[in-house]
Amino acid sequence: MTSTPRPITADLARAARALAQVSRHDIAEHTGLEEELVRDLEHGRRTITPQLSDLLYRALEEFGVEFLPVDEAAGVGYGVRQKFNPRTVKRLENWENEGGPAGDDDI
């Protein structure tokens, strides 16, 4: 895996956000960007600089999106998919909800 994320296009950013099922507000809050800027980037009205690309890439990955590379041999372009399948998501949600509320320590 490379240390520098691949550039994100407007279409890829929109598709990734839709797949993650998060709002522009959530992305803006997570990245520290203005919501209007996120909208403009997704619609191609603003240029996605390498810094913005890096912010979006990392935020969308944290929301459960995996970016797929170009496969020139197969004639396939960039894409996105969910990092976890529905079965894994269900298991993670169950695991996170186990145990109930934390109690006070006697230490």
C-alpha atoms as a PDB file:
ATOM      1  CA  MET A   1       0.000   0.000   0.000  1.00  0.00           C
ATOM      2  CA  THR A   2       1.333   3.441  -0.881  1.00  0.00           C
ATOM      3  CA  SER A   3       1.722   6.181   1.693  1.00  0.00           C
ATOM      4  CA  THR A   4       0.228   8.805  -0.603  1.00  0.00           C
ATOM      5  CA  PRO A   5      -3.431   8.244  -1.503  1.00  0.00           C
ATOM      6  CA  ARG A   6      -4.500   8.299  -5.125  1.00  0.00           C
ATOM      7  CA  PRO A   7      -6.155  11.469  -6.389  1.00  0.00           C
ATOM      8  CA  ILE A   8      -9.913  11.632  -5.939  1.00  0.00           C
ATOM      9  CA  THR A   9     -12.152  12.921  -8.698  1.00  0.00           C
ATOM     10  CA  ALA A  10     -15.477  14.671  -8.100  1.00  0.00           C
ATOM     11  CA  ASP A  11     -17.393  11.580  -9.245  1.00  0.00           C
ATOM     12  CA  LEU A  12     -15.362   9.260  -7.040  1.00  0.00           C
ATOM     13  CA  ALA A  13     -15.871  11.510  -3.991  1.00  0.00           C
ATOM     14  CA  ARG A  14     -19.651  11.577  -4.577  1.00  0.00           C
ATOM     15  CA  ALA A  15     -19.811   7.818  -5.116  1.00  0.00           C
ATOM     16  CA  ALA A  16     -17.735   7.080  -2.015  1.00  0.00           C
ATOM     17  CA  ARG A  17     -19.859   9.342   0.180  1.00  0.00           C
ATOM     18  CA  ALA A  18     -23.063   7.777  -1.148  1.00  0.00           C
ATOM     19  CA  LEU A  19     -21.692   4.279  -0.529  1.00  0.00           C
ATOM     20  CA  ALA A  20     -20.688   5.205   3.031  1.00  0.00           C
ATOM     21  CA  GLN A  21     -24.180   6.685   3.529  1.00  0.00           C
ATOM     22  CA  VAL A  22     -22.870   9.822   5.220  1.00  0.00           C
ATOM     23  CA  SER A  23     -23.938  13.400   4.658  1.00  0.00           C
ATOM     24  CA  ARG A  24     -21.807  16.234   3.351  1.00  0.00           C
ATOM     25  CA  HIS A  25     -22.147  17.707   6.822  1.00  0.00           C
ATOM     26  CA  ASP A  26     -20.539  14.569   8.321  1.00  0.00           C
ATOM     27  CA  ILE A  27     -17.655  14.729   5.835  1.00  0.00           C
ATOM     28  CA  ALA A  28     -17.182  18.452   6.468  1.00  0.00           C
ATOM     29  CA  GLU A  29     -17.186  17.948  10.223  1.00  0.00           C
ATOM     30  CA  HIS A  30     -14.749  15.034   9.997  1.00  0.00           C
ATOM     31  CA  THR A  31     -12.294  16.853   7.718  1.00  0.00           C
ATOM     32  CA  GLY A  32     -12.665  20.379   9.089  1.00  0.00           C
ATOM     33  CA  LEU A  33     -13.788  21.646   5.668  1.00  0.00           C
ATOM     34  CA  GLU A  34     -16.817  23.815   4.981  1.00  0.00           C
ATOM     35  CA  GLU A  35     -19.901  21.883   3.833  1.00  0.00           C
ATOM     36  CA  GLU A  36     -20.225  24.176   0.790  1.00  0.00           C
ATOM     37  CA  LEU A  37     -16.648  23.336  -0.210  1.00  0.00           C
ATOM     38  CA  VAL A  38     -17.384  19.614  -0.016  1.00  0.00           C
ATOM     39  CA  ARG A  39     -20.455  20.152  -2.229  1.00  0.00           C
ATOM     40  CA  ASP A  40     -18.471  22.206  -4.740  1.00  0.00           C
ATOM     41  CA  LEU A  41     -15.702  19.598  -4.853  1.00  0.00           C
ATOM     42  CA  GLU A  42     -18.213  16.798  -5.473  1.00  0.00           C
ATOM     43  CA  HIS A  43     -19.806  18.731  -8.325  1.00  0.00           C
ATOM     44  CA  GLY A  44     -16.503  19.692  -9.933  1.00  0.00           C
ATOM     45  CA  ARG A  45     -16.938  23.405  -9.277  1.00  0.00           C
ATOM     46  CA  ARG A  46     -13.689  23.532  -7.308  1.00  0.00           C
ATOM     47  CA  THR A  47     -10.362  21.868  -7.981  1.00  0.00           C
ATOM     48  CA  ILE A  48      -9.461  18.996  -5.700  1.00  0.00           C
ATOM     49  CA  THR A  49      -5.909  19.798  -4.643  1.00  0.00           C
ATOM     50  CA  PRO A  50      -3.589  17.059  -3.371  1.00  0.00           C
ATOM     51  CA  GLN A  51      -4.205  18.253   0.207  1.00  0.00           C
ATOM     52  CA  LEU A  52      -7.994  18.137  -0.205  1.00  0.00           C
ATOM     53  CA  SER A  53      -7.728  14.770  -1.933  1.00  0.00           C
ATOM     54  CA  ASP A  54      -5.752  13.422   1.020  1.00  0.00           C
ATOM     55  CA  LEU A  55      -8.319  14.742   3.533  1.00  0.00           C
ATOM     56  CA  LEU A  56     -11.269  13.290   1.618  1.00  0.00           C
ATOM     57  CA  TYR A  57      -9.536   9.976   0.956  1.00  0.00           C
ATOM     58  CA  ARG A  58      -8.692   9.406   4.615  1.00  0.00           C
ATOM     59  CA  ALA A  59     -12.104  10.545   5.895  1.00  0.00           C
ATOM     60  CA  LEU A  60     -13.998   8.331   3.464  1.00  0.00           C
ATOM     61  CA  GLU A  61     -11.809   5.355   4.348  1.00  0.00           C
ATOM     62  CA  GLU A  62     -12.632   5.933   8.023  1.00  0.00           C
ATOM     63  CA  PHE A  63     -16.330   5.883   7.081  1.00  0.00           C
ATOM     64  CA  GLY A  64     -15.851   2.371   5.635  1.00  0.00           C
ATOM     65  CA  VAL A  65     -15.055   2.955   1.964  1.00  0.00           C
ATOM     66  CA  GLU A  66     -12.260   1.160   0.131  1.00  0.00           C
ATOM     67  CA  PHE A  67     -10.822   2.750  -3.000  1.00  0.00           C
ATOM     68  CA  LEU A  68     -10.077   0.416  -5.895  1.00  0.00           C
ATOM     69  CA  PRO A  69      -7.146   1.037  -8.223  1.00  0.00           C
ATOM     70  CA  VAL A  70      -7.208   1.115 -11.994  1.00  0.00           C
ATOM     71  CA  ASP A  71      -6.719  -2.292 -13.587  1.00  0.00           C
ATOM     72  CA  GLU A  72      -5.545  -1.467 -17.077  1.00  0.00           C
ATOM     73  CA  ALA A  73      -5.184  -5.137 -18.042  1.00  0.00           C
ATOM     74  CA  ALA A  74      -8.865  -5.731 -17.300  1.00  0.00           C
ATOM     75  CA  GLY A  75      -9.912  -2.351 -18.691  1.00  0.00           C
ATOM     76  CA  VAL A  76     -11.343  -1.265 -15.332  1.00  0.00           C
ATOM     77  CA  GLY A  77     -11.057   2.241 -13.897  1.00  0.00           C
ATOM     78  CA  TYR A  78     -10.963   3.551 -10.345  1.00  0.00           C
ATOM     79  CA  GLY A  79     -13.834   2.585  -8.102  1.00  0.00           C
ATOM     80  CA  VAL A  80     -15.095   2.278  -4.550  1.00  0.00           C
ATOM     81  CA  ARG A  81     -16.571  -0.498  -2.478  1.00  0.00           C
ATOM     82  CA  GLN A  82     -17.528  -1.066   1.123  1.00  0.00           C
ATOM     83  CA  LYS A  83     -14.622  -2.110   3.293  1.00  0.00           C
ATOM     84  CA  PHE A  84     -16.744  -4.719   5.076  1.00  0.00           C
ATOM     85  CA  ASN A  85     -19.493  -6.979   3.788  1.00  0.00           C
ATOM     86  CA  PRO A  86     -22.931  -6.799   5.476  1.00  0.00           C
ATOM     87  CA  ARG A  87     -22.234  -9.886   7.622  1.00  0.00           C
ATOM     88  CA  THR A  88     -19.028  -8.366   9.007  1.00  0.00           C
ATOM     89  CA  VAL A  89     -20.765  -5.036   9.683  1.00  0.00           C
ATOM     90  CA  LYS A  90     -23.461  -6.854  11.674  1.00  0.00           C
ATOM     91  CA  ARG A  91     -20.829  -8.695  13.714  1.00  0.00           C
ATOM     92  CA  LEU A  92     -18.932  -5.457  14.404  1.00  0.00           C
ATOM     93  CA  GLU A  93     -22.122  -3.701  15.508  1.00  0.00           C
ATOM     94  CA  ASN A  94     -22.966  -6.576  17.878  1.00  0.00           C
ATOM     95  CA  TRP A  95     -19.448  -6.551  19.271  1.00  0.00           C
ATOM     96  CA  GLU A  96     -19.508  -2.787  19.867  1.00  0.00           C
ATOM     97  CA  ASN A  97     -22.806  -3.037  21.761  1.00  0.00           C
ATOM     98  CA  GLU A  98     -21.726  -5.865  24.091  1.00  0.00           C
ATOM     99  CA  GLY A  99     -21.123  -5.400  27.782  1.00  0.00           C
ATOM    100  CA  GLY A 100     -23.503  -2.566  28.588  1.00  0.00           C
ATOM    101  CA  PRO A 101     -22.462   0.683  30.257  1.00  0.00           C
ATOM    102  CA  ALA A 102     -19.115   0.902  32.004  1.00  0.00           C
ATOM    103  CA  GLY A 103     -19.182   0.938  35.805  1.00  0.00           C
ATOM    104  CA  ASP A 104     -17.050   2.858  38.303  1.00  0.00           C
ATOM    105  CA  ASP A 105     -13.656   1.432  39.175  1.00  0.00           C
ATOM    106  CA  ASP A 106     -12.855   0.689  42.815  1.00  0.00           C
ATOM    107  CA  ILE A 107      -9.195   1.436  42.165  1.00  0.00           C
END
